[in-house]
């Protein structure tokens, strides 16, 4: 019997590289097939391959590696500490009574998505700049409102990210490098401003947060002059089963545990304190913004390092997905179209009801948690879809596009591997692999709110633009 006959008379075990339906057809025949996920470097784009070659020249590579080492060291060594809460008008750089911050890269009112427009008009009514939502649309379009990305004001914002002057903010200080970062408070429920809902119940909740919730937290933190070490809480939360983007059961427990001794010592009435505790207990998401601002505080310390190819921002406004890179100082954005989020929908909703990917919360993945740390949180799978095996695999796969592991924030089930840290634009281009992001889904229309959650990726186009700019900038 010749070799060909031996092959056809033996059990077939195939490794397929390429189109996955080939391996599926082989399996249908009762044979074993393994699908190898592979794509050519730079996805076969000759121009991008040339840019990679240029950046990998001996002279440029030495500069990049030194800069990237500094950038990731600054991320890892950052110690973000919660030092207080206050209204945005009192603490956020550049905030005015007619400024509204939003998630993602810059966008004009007329180009905003439905959820963001809904959140903007709700905020305008909340601030007393319009009597109702109809008038709020007129005000938004009038030029009287200054719209600006949260990230350009040392802030981050969940989903639509809409932040206005009266809203209370976390104030977080990087004890290692001295920079500050800010984010607003969780509204807790699904029908909320950050998802584009804006009816009277939403406004009433925002008023209570301004008049009771925020002041209680502000005055509680005045009794805690040493602040709360957020990196320590983050590490503990991951060890307790959170990934600290969409699962925050442990994190919220730890955060309110740290705040409670100071809340009870404030002079507010028992009724008001009970309202605060009941509100925090209404949803696990209370600590979600806290982890976002921790990540922002650490990553801002690594921004603006000449020759660095490390990503310091990933953010979406519901129309565009934008990234910022350490080596491109200031507010240089590289954008591509926002993507669909694929995952389970709430009862009564269909995928076609979904808005596109939105929010600054991908700052968590930029730091190395969220989708990058899903191995810590197998219980998140029913919310965002997929399997436990896939969740475990994401954390290991993201090592292929990052620079190092963070020894301060670890994944116990992966032998205490540090979370993947320092997304490198070069590695994204070379491998063709994109950062994995788990996130909520907002309805495409204003006024509805959250309708599901799932998994998505940035557009490859944003990284293509970034590497072209970096190749020109690094000499």
Protein backbone atom coordinates (compact mmCIF):
# COMPACT_ATOMS: atom_id res chain seq x y z
CA UNK A 1 0.00 0.00 0.00
CA UNK A 2 1.44 3.33 -1.05
CA UNK A 3 1.43 6.45 1.11
CA UNK A 4 -1.66 7.95 -0.55
CA UNK A 5 -3.66 4.76 0.06
CA UNK A 6 -2.42 4.72 3.67
CA UNK A 7 -3.63 8.27 4.09
CA UNK A 8 -7.14 7.58 2.84
CA UNK A 9 -7.45 4.41 4.89
CA UNK A 10 -6.30 5.99 8.15
CA UNK A 11 -8.06 8.30 10.60
CA UNK A 12 -7.78 11.89 9.37
CA UNK A 13 -6.65 14.59 11.80
CA UNK A 14 -6.57 17.92 10.00
CA UNK A 15 -5.17 21.30 10.98
CA UNK A 16 -6.92 23.90 8.84
CA UNK A 17 -5.40 27.32 8.22
CA UNK A 18 -7.81 29.72 6.56
CA UNK A 19 -11.54 29.58 5.91
CA UNK A 20 -13.24 27.88 8.84
CA UNK A 21 -16.02 26.18 6.86
CA UNK A 22 -13.42 23.73 5.55
CA UNK A 23 -12.77 22.37 9.05
CA UNK A 24 -16.53 22.28 9.71
CA UNK A 25 -17.09 20.16 6.59
CA UNK A 26 -14.30 17.79 7.63
CA UNK A 27 -15.92 17.36 11.04
CA UNK A 28 -19.23 16.54 9.34
CA UNK A 29 -17.45 13.55 7.75
CA UNK A 30 -16.55 12.23 11.19
CA UNK A 31 -12.89 13.27 11.03
CA UNK A 32 -10.96 15.39 13.52
CA UNK A 33 -10.25 18.97 12.47
CA UNK A 34 -8.60 21.83 14.32
CA UNK A 35 -9.12 25.38 13.10
CA UNK A 36 -5.97 27.48 13.38
CA UNK A 37 -6.73 31.17 13.70
CA UNK A 38 -4.09 32.81 11.54
CA UNK A 39 -3.72 35.74 9.23
CA UNK A 40 -0.67 37.03 7.41
CA UNK A 41 1.33 39.82 9.13
CA UNK A 42 -0.36 43.20 8.78
CA UNK A 43 -3.27 41.29 7.23
CA UNK A 44 -1.24 41.07 4.06
CA UNK A 45 -1.19 44.85 3.50
CA UNK A 46 2.08 45.67 1.73
CA UNK A 47 2.07 49.31 2.84
CA UNK A 48 1.66 48.35 6.49
CA UNK A 49 4.39 45.73 6.21
CA UNK A 50 6.72 48.44 4.91
CA UNK A 51 5.83 50.68 7.88
CA UNK A 52 6.55 47.84 10.29
CA UNK A 53 9.91 47.23 8.62
CA UNK A 54 10.73 50.91 8.99
CA UNK A 55 9.79 50.95 12.69
CA UNK A 56 11.78 47.75 13.24
CA UNK A 57 14.97 49.25 11.89
CA UNK A 58 17.76 49.07 14.44
CA UNK A 59 17.79 52.80 15.20
CA UNK A 60 14.02 53.27 15.50
CA UNK A 61 13.43 50.05 17.36
CA UNK A 62 15.90 51.02 20.08
CA UNK A 63 14.09 54.34 20.60
CA UNK A 64 10.67 52.68 20.62
CA UNK A 65 11.63 49.96 23.06
CA UNK A 66 13.12 52.48 25.50
CA UNK A 67 10.04 54.68 25.26
CA UNK A 68 7.63 51.76 25.64
CA UNK A 69 9.53 50.50 28.67
CA UNK A 70 9.05 53.89 30.31
CA UNK A 71 5.37 54.01 29.35
CA UNK A 72 4.45 50.60 30.79
CA UNK A 73 6.51 51.24 33.91
CA UNK A 74 4.48 54.39 34.50
CA UNK A 75 1.23 52.45 34.06
CA UNK A 76 2.32 49.69 36.43
CA UNK A 77 3.85 51.97 39.06
CA UNK A 78 0.87 54.34 39.14
CA UNK A 79 -1.02 54.35 42.44
CA UNK A 80 -4.45 55.91 41.87
CA UNK A 81 -6.09 56.94 45.15
CA UNK A 82 -9.65 58.19 45.59
CA UNK A 83 -9.27 61.50 47.42
CA UNK A 84 -12.75 63.00 47.15
CA UNK A 85 -15.96 63.79 45.31
CA UNK A 86 -17.19 67.17 44.10
CA UNK A 87 -19.30 68.77 41.39
CA UNK A 88 -17.70 68.97 37.96
CA UNK A 89 -17.83 72.76 37.92
CA UNK A 90 -15.56 72.77 40.98
CA UNK A 91 -12.92 70.29 39.90
CA UNK A 92 -12.89 69.38 36.19
CA UNK A 93 -10.43 71.43 34.09
CA UNK A 94 -12.21 73.60 31.54
CA UNK A 95 -15.73 72.91 32.83
CA UNK A 96 -18.27 75.73 32.54
CA UNK A 97 -22.02 75.93 33.16
CA UNK A 98 -22.64 75.44 29.44
CA UNK A 99 -20.02 72.74 28.82
CA UNK A 100 -21.14 69.17 28.22
CA UNK A 101 -18.53 66.46 28.02
CA UNK A 102 -19.16 63.27 26.06
CA UNK A 103 -17.56 59.88 25.51
CA UNK A 104 -15.17 59.06 22.68
CA UNK A 105 -13.37 61.29 20.20
CA UNK A 106 -14.70 64.75 19.26
CA UNK A 107 -18.13 64.88 17.63
CA UNK A 108 -20.57 67.67 16.76
CA UNK A 109 -24.19 67.68 17.94
CA UNK A 110 -25.58 67.03 14.48
CA UNK A 111 -23.45 63.91 14.07
CA UNK A 112 -24.15 62.33 17.46
CA UNK A 113 -25.82 58.94 17.80
CA UNK A 114 -29.33 58.53 19.21
CA UNK A 115 -28.20 57.52 22.72
CA UNK A 116 -25.76 60.42 22.96
CA UNK A 117 -28.33 62.95 21.75
CA UNK A 118 -30.77 61.58 24.31
CA UNK A 119 -28.20 61.95 27.09
CA UNK A 120 -27.25 65.48 25.99
CA UNK A 121 -30.83 66.73 25.95
CA UNK A 122 -31.47 65.13 29.33
CA UNK A 123 -28.40 66.86 30.78
CA UNK A 124 -29.52 70.22 29.36
CA UNK A 125 -32.89 69.86 31.11
CA UNK A 126 -31.19 68.69 34.32
CA UNK A 127 -28.95 71.78 34.31
CA UNK A 128 -31.93 74.07 33.85
CA UNK A 129 -30.72 75.24 30.45
CA UNK A 130 -34.02 74.20 28.85
CA UNK A 131 -37.56 73.63 30.15
CA UNK A 132 -38.14 70.36 28.31
CA UNK A 133 -36.54 67.95 25.83
CA UNK A 134 -37.90 69.77 22.78
CA UNK A 135 -36.32 73.04 23.87
CA UNK A 136 -33.16 71.11 24.87
CA UNK A 137 -32.70 69.97 21.26
CA UNK A 138 -32.92 73.59 20.13
CA UNK A 139 -30.35 74.64 22.75
CA UNK A 140 -28.01 71.81 21.75
CA UNK A 141 -28.15 72.88 18.12
CA UNK A 142 -27.87 76.60 18.87
CA UNK A 143 -24.12 76.78 19.46
CA UNK A 144 -24.64 77.86 23.07
CA UNK A 145 -23.33 74.54 24.39
CA UNK A 146 -19.64 73.63 24.28
CA UNK A 147 -19.24 69.93 23.49
CA UNK A 148 -15.93 68.27 24.25
CA UNK A 149 -14.58 64.73 24.84
CA UNK A 150 -14.27 63.64 28.47
CA UNK A 151 -10.74 62.44 27.76
CA UNK A 152 -9.62 65.96 26.85
CA UNK A 153 -10.57 67.13 30.36
CA UNK A 154 -8.87 64.36 32.38
CA UNK A 155 -12.23 62.55 32.57
CA UNK A 156 -13.91 59.36 31.46
CA UNK A 157 -17.63 58.69 31.10
CA UNK A 158 -19.63 55.47 30.80
CA UNK A 159 -21.60 54.86 27.57
CA UNK A 160 -22.68 58.31 26.26
CA UNK A 161 -20.35 59.74 28.89
CA UNK A 162 -22.39 62.92 29.16
CA UNK A 163 -21.09 65.02 32.03
CA UNK A 164 -22.41 68.46 32.98
CA UNK A 165 -21.46 71.12 35.50
CA UNK A 166 -23.68 70.06 38.43
CA UNK A 167 -22.84 66.36 38.34
CA UNK A 168 -20.71 64.95 41.14
CA UNK A 169 -17.38 63.44 40.15
CA UNK A 170 -14.84 61.05 41.63
CA UNK A 171 -11.53 62.83 42.21
CA UNK A 172 -8.58 60.43 41.88
CA UNK A 173 -4.95 61.33 42.40
CA UNK A 174 -1.99 59.35 41.10
CA UNK A 175 0.20 59.30 44.20
CA UNK A 176 3.20 58.21 42.13
CA UNK A 177 3.11 60.89 39.44
CA UNK A 178 0.74 63.56 40.78
CA UNK A 179 -1.83 63.72 37.98
CA UNK A 180 -5.59 63.83 38.64
CA UNK A 181 -8.49 62.10 36.87
CA UNK A 182 -12.28 62.38 37.18
CA UNK A 183 -15.49 60.54 36.38
CA UNK A 184 -19.13 60.92 37.33
CA UNK A 185 -21.22 58.65 39.56
CA UNK A 186 -23.12 55.53 38.57
CA UNK A 187 -26.85 56.02 38.05
CA UNK A 188 -27.20 52.30 38.81
CA UNK A 189 -30.28 51.23 36.80
CA UNK A 190 -30.66 50.42 33.08
CA UNK A 191 -33.01 53.29 32.16
CA UNK A 192 -30.51 56.06 32.80
CA UNK A 193 -28.92 59.08 31.18
CA UNK A 194 -25.68 57.38 30.15
CA UNK A 195 -27.70 55.00 27.94
CA UNK A 196 -29.67 57.85 26.39
CA UNK A 197 -32.78 57.69 28.57
CA UNK A 198 -34.03 61.12 29.58
CA UNK A 199 -37.60 61.08 30.93
CA UNK A 200 -38.64 62.70 34.21
CA UNK A 201 -37.64 59.67 36.29
CA UNK A 202 -34.09 60.00 34.95
CA UNK A 203 -33.98 63.73 35.69
CA UNK A 204 -35.41 63.22 39.19
CA UNK A 205 -32.71 60.64 39.94
CA UNK A 206 -29.99 63.03 38.74
CA UNK A 207 -31.41 65.76 40.99
CA UNK A 208 -31.32 63.41 44.00
CA UNK A 209 -27.74 62.42 43.14
CA UNK A 210 -26.80 66.12 43.00
CA UNK A 211 -28.61 67.07 46.22
CA UNK A 212 -28.09 63.98 48.42
CA UNK A 213 -25.89 61.21 47.05
CA UNK A 214 -23.02 63.38 45.87
CA UNK A 215 -22.86 65.59 48.97
CA UNK A 216 -22.92 62.54 51.29
CA UNK A 217 -19.97 60.99 49.42
CA UNK A 218 -18.14 64.34 49.29
CA UNK A 219 -18.45 64.93 53.02
CA UNK A 220 -17.64 61.29 53.83
CA UNK A 221 -14.33 61.55 51.97
CA UNK A 222 -13.48 64.73 53.86
CA UNK A 223 -13.25 62.44 56.90
CA UNK A 224 -10.78 60.20 55.05
CA UNK A 225 -7.71 62.40 54.47
CA UNK A 226 -5.48 59.46 53.50
CA UNK A 227 -7.82 58.52 50.64
CA UNK A 228 -8.76 55.04 49.39
CA UNK A 229 -6.12 52.99 47.53
CA UNK A 230 -8.04 51.95 44.42
CA UNK A 231 -5.36 49.71 42.94
CA UNK A 232 -5.46 47.57 46.08
CA UNK A 233 -9.25 47.29 45.86
CA UNK A 234 -9.03 46.50 42.14
CA UNK A 235 -6.62 43.65 42.72
CA UNK A 236 -8.86 42.23 45.45
CA UNK A 237 -11.96 42.52 43.26
CA UNK A 238 -10.31 40.53 40.45
CA UNK A 239 -9.34 37.84 42.94
CA UNK A 240 -12.99 37.68 44.02
CA UNK A 241 -14.44 37.07 40.56
CA UNK A 242 -14.86 40.49 38.88
CA UNK A 243 -13.23 41.68 35.69
CA UNK A 244 -14.11 45.27 36.74
CA UNK A 245 -15.75 46.45 33.55
CA UNK A 246 -19.14 44.77 33.39
CA UNK A 247 -18.97 42.54 36.46
CA UNK A 248 -18.56 44.56 39.66
CA UNK A 249 -20.15 42.45 42.40
CA UNK A 250 -16.99 42.21 44.49
CA UNK A 251 -15.69 45.66 43.59
CA UNK A 252 -18.85 47.42 44.69
CA UNK A 253 -18.85 45.48 47.95
CA UNK A 254 -15.24 46.46 48.62
CA UNK A 255 -15.76 50.11 47.71
CA UNK A 256 -18.86 50.67 49.82
CA UNK A 257 -17.15 48.77 52.65
CA UNK A 258 -14.30 51.29 52.48
CA UNK A 259 -16.69 54.27 52.36
CA UNK A 260 -19.20 53.17 55.01
CA UNK A 261 -17.25 54.15 58.17
CA UNK A 262 -17.03 57.71 56.86
CA UNK A 263 -20.60 57.89 55.53
CA UNK A 264 -22.03 56.97 58.94
CA UNK A 265 -19.94 59.69 60.60
CA UNK A 266 -21.36 62.48 58.44
CA UNK A 267 -24.06 64.82 59.79
CA UNK A 268 -26.72 63.77 57.28
CA UNK A 269 -30.01 62.36 58.52
CA UNK A 270 -30.58 58.65 59.01
CA UNK A 271 -33.14 58.79 56.18
CA UNK A 272 -30.57 60.25 53.77
CA UNK A 273 -27.92 57.70 54.75
CA UNK A 274 -30.39 54.84 54.25
CA UNK A 275 -31.25 56.27 50.82
CA UNK A 276 -27.55 56.25 49.91
CA UNK A 277 -27.04 52.65 51.03
CA UNK A 278 -30.24 51.49 49.32
CA UNK A 279 -29.15 53.19 46.10
CA UNK A 280 -25.73 51.54 46.15
CA UNK A 281 -27.39 48.18 46.87
CA UNK A 282 -29.74 48.61 43.87
CA UNK A 283 -27.04 47.62 41.38
CA UNK A 284 -23.59 46.08 41.34
CA UNK A 285 -22.38 48.84 39.01
CA UNK A 286 -21.65 51.44 41.71
CA UNK A 287 -17.90 50.76 41.44
CA UNK A 288 -17.82 50.57 37.63
CA UNK A 289 -16.93 54.24 37.07
CA UNK A 290 -14.37 53.99 39.90
CA UNK A 291 -12.31 51.41 38.01
CA UNK A 292 -12.60 53.48 34.85
CA UNK A 293 -11.12 56.55 36.53
CA UNK A 294 -8.37 54.43 38.13
CA UNK A 295 -7.39 53.25 34.64
CA UNK A 296 -7.58 56.78 33.23
CA UNK A 297 -5.36 58.10 36.03
CA UNK A 298 -2.69 55.45 35.40
CA UNK A 299 -2.76 55.72 31.60
CA UNK A 300 -2.60 59.51 31.58
CA UNK A 301 0.71 59.20 33.44
CA UNK A 302 2.03 57.24 30.44
CA UNK A 303 0.77 59.64 27.77
CA UNK A 304 3.10 61.95 25.86
CA UNK A 305 6.28 59.86 25.91
CA UNK A 306 8.18 60.58 22.71
CA UNK A 307 8.62 57.54 20.41
CA UNK A 308 6.22 55.32 22.37
CA UNK A 309 3.79 53.11 20.45
CA UNK A 310 1.71 52.26 23.55
CA UNK A 311 -2.03 52.94 23.38
CA UNK A 312 -3.19 55.21 26.22
CA UNK A 313 -6.85 55.65 25.23
CA UNK A 314 -9.58 53.63 23.55
CA UNK A 315 -12.96 55.40 23.45
CA UNK A 316 -16.14 55.42 21.38
CA UNK A 317 -18.85 58.01 20.78
CA UNK A 318 -21.40 55.74 19.08
CA UNK A 319 -20.27 56.83 15.61
CA UNK A 320 -16.48 56.65 15.74
CA UNK A 321 -13.99 54.62 17.73
CA UNK A 322 -10.88 56.60 18.65
CA UNK A 323 -7.50 55.70 20.09
CA UNK A 324 -4.70 57.87 21.42
CA UNK A 325 -1.07 56.78 21.52
CA UNK A 326 1.57 57.80 24.04
CA UNK A 327 4.07 58.97 21.42
CA UNK A 328 1.59 61.42 19.86
CA UNK A 329 1.35 64.16 22.48
CA UNK A 330 -1.81 66.06 23.31
CA UNK A 331 -5.20 65.15 21.89
CA UNK A 332 -4.29 63.42 18.65
CA UNK A 333 -7.05 60.92 17.82
CA UNK A 334 -6.93 58.06 15.33
CA UNK A 335 -10.42 56.94 14.42
CA UNK A 336 -12.46 54.37 12.57
CA UNK A 337 -16.16 53.46 12.54
CA UNK A 338 -17.76 52.23 15.76
CA UNK A 339 -18.59 48.53 15.57
CA UNK A 340 -21.64 46.43 16.44
CA UNK A 341 -21.57 44.75 19.84
CA UNK A 342 -22.47 41.06 19.57
CA UNK A 343 -24.09 39.43 22.58
CA UNK A 344 -27.31 38.49 24.39
CA UNK A 345 -30.20 40.96 24.20
CA UNK A 346 -32.74 41.70 26.90
CA UNK A 347 -36.20 40.21 26.36
CA UNK A 348 -38.14 42.02 23.66
CA UNK A 349 -35.14 43.45 21.81
CA UNK A 350 -33.40 42.33 18.62
CA UNK A 351 -29.84 42.99 17.32
CA UNK A 352 -31.23 45.54 14.86
CA UNK A 353 -32.39 47.64 17.83
CA UNK A 354 -28.78 48.10 18.96
CA UNK A 355 -26.78 51.27 18.74
CA UNK A 356 -23.12 51.02 17.77
CA UNK A 357 -20.32 50.62 20.32
CA UNK A 358 -20.22 53.64 22.64
CA UNK A 359 -18.47 54.86 25.79
CA UNK A 360 -15.14 55.60 27.46
CA UNK A 361 -15.31 52.36 29.44
CA UNK A 362 -12.83 50.70 27.06
CA UNK A 363 -10.24 52.54 29.16
CA UNK A 364 -10.48 49.41 31.34
CA UNK A 365 -9.26 47.20 28.51
CA UNK A 366 -6.61 49.78 27.64
CA UNK A 367 -5.28 49.32 31.18
CA UNK A 368 -5.60 45.52 31.09
CA UNK A 369 -8.84 44.63 32.87
CA UNK A 370 -12.38 44.17 31.52
CA UNK A 371 -12.20 41.98 28.42
CA UNK A 372 -8.47 41.49 29.00
CA UNK A 373 -9.17 39.97 32.44
CA UNK A 374 -12.23 37.86 31.66
CA UNK A 375 -10.42 34.78 32.95
CA UNK A 376 -11.05 36.17 36.44
CA UNK A 377 -14.81 36.37 35.87
CA UNK A 378 -16.34 33.27 34.24
CA UNK A 379 -19.70 34.31 35.72
CA UNK A 380 -19.82 37.19 33.22
CA UNK A 381 -20.38 34.80 30.31
CA UNK A 382 -24.21 34.74 30.58
CA UNK A 383 -24.24 38.54 30.33
CA UNK A 384 -21.88 39.07 27.39
CA UNK A 385 -22.18 35.71 25.62
CA UNK A 386 -19.61 33.14 24.54
CA UNK A 387 -18.20 30.34 26.66
CA UNK A 388 -16.06 30.08 29.77
CA UNK A 389 -13.30 28.61 27.61
CA UNK A 390 -13.40 31.66 25.35
CA UNK A 391 -13.37 34.01 28.35
CA UNK A 392 -10.26 32.26 29.66
CA UNK A 393 -8.65 32.40 26.24
CA UNK A 394 -9.12 36.15 25.80
CA UNK A 395 -6.79 36.93 28.71
CA UNK A 396 -4.00 34.79 27.23
CA UNK A 397 -4.58 35.98 23.67
CA UNK A 398 -4.21 39.64 24.65
CA UNK A 399 -0.61 38.93 25.70
CA UNK A 400 0.16 38.79 21.97
CA UNK A 401 -0.57 42.49 21.46
CA UNK A 402 0.67 43.89 24.77
CA UNK A 403 4.10 44.67 26.15
CA UNK A 404 4.14 43.08 29.58
CA UNK A 405 2.07 41.82 32.52
CA UNK A 406 1.07 43.98 35.48
CA UNK A 407 2.37 42.23 38.63
CA UNK A 408 0.11 44.36 40.84
CA UNK A 409 -3.12 43.16 39.20
CA UNK A 410 -3.17 39.39 38.69
CA UNK A 411 -5.36 36.52 37.48
CA UNK A 412 -5.33 33.65 40.00
CA UNK A 413 -6.72 30.97 37.67
CA UNK A 414 -3.87 31.61 35.21
CA UNK A 415 -1.22 30.97 37.86
CA UNK A 416 -1.44 34.61 39.01
CA UNK A 417 -0.46 35.94 35.60
CA UNK A 418 -0.43 39.75 35.57
CA UNK A 419 -3.11 41.35 33.41
CA UNK A 420 -1.87 42.06 29.85
CA UNK A 421 -0.55 45.62 29.90
CA UNK A 422 0.60 48.13 27.29
CA UNK A 423 -1.22 47.63 23.98
CA UNK A 424 1.43 48.15 21.28
CA UNK A 425 0.19 49.53 17.96
CA UNK A 426 2.98 47.63 16.19
CA UNK A 427 1.83 44.30 17.60
CA UNK A 428 -1.80 44.93 16.68
CA UNK A 429 -0.75 45.63 13.10
CA UNK A 430 1.74 42.75 12.92
CA UNK A 431 -0.61 40.09 14.31
CA UNK A 432 -3.88 41.45 12.94
CA UNK A 433 -5.38 40.79 16.38
CA UNK A 434 -7.57 43.48 17.90
CA UNK A 435 -8.16 44.27 21.58
CA UNK A 436 -11.16 42.43 23.01
CA UNK A 437 -13.78 44.61 24.70
CA UNK A 438 -16.82 43.51 26.69
CA UNK A 439 -19.48 46.17 26.98
CA UNK A 440 -23.13 47.06 27.39
CA UNK A 441 -25.45 47.72 24.45
CA UNK A 442 -27.58 50.87 24.27
CA UNK A 443 -30.71 51.12 22.12
CA UNK A 444 -30.05 52.98 18.88
CA UNK A 445 -32.81 55.49 19.64
CA UNK A 446 -32.71 58.17 22.36
CA UNK A 447 -34.80 57.74 25.48
CA UNK A 448 -34.75 53.93 25.74
CA UNK A 449 -31.61 52.77 27.60
CA UNK A 450 -29.64 49.53 27.95
CA UNK A 451 -30.91 46.54 25.98
CA UNK A 452 -28.08 43.98 26.26
CA UNK A 453 -24.35 43.36 26.52
CA UNK A 454 -21.68 41.61 24.50
CA UNK A 455 -18.25 41.53 22.90
CA UNK A 456 -16.70 43.83 20.31
CA UNK A 457 -13.37 45.05 18.93
CA UNK A 458 -11.95 48.38 17.76
CA UNK A 459 -11.75 49.01 14.02
CA UNK A 460 -8.39 47.98 12.53
CA UNK A 461 -8.46 51.26 10.62
CA UNK A 462 -7.71 53.29 13.77
CA UNK A 463 -4.46 51.36 14.31
CA UNK A 464 -3.53 51.70 10.63
CA UNK A 465 -3.79 55.49 10.93
CA UNK A 466 -1.81 55.45 14.16
CA UNK A 467 1.11 53.46 12.78
CA UNK A 468 1.36 55.73 9.75
CA UNK A 469 1.58 58.78 12.00
CA UNK A 470 4.09 57.07 14.31
CA UNK A 471 6.35 56.08 11.44
CA UNK A 472 6.52 59.74 10.38
CA UNK A 473 7.03 61.00 13.93
CA UNK A 474 9.80 58.62 15.03
CA UNK A 475 13.19 59.56 13.59
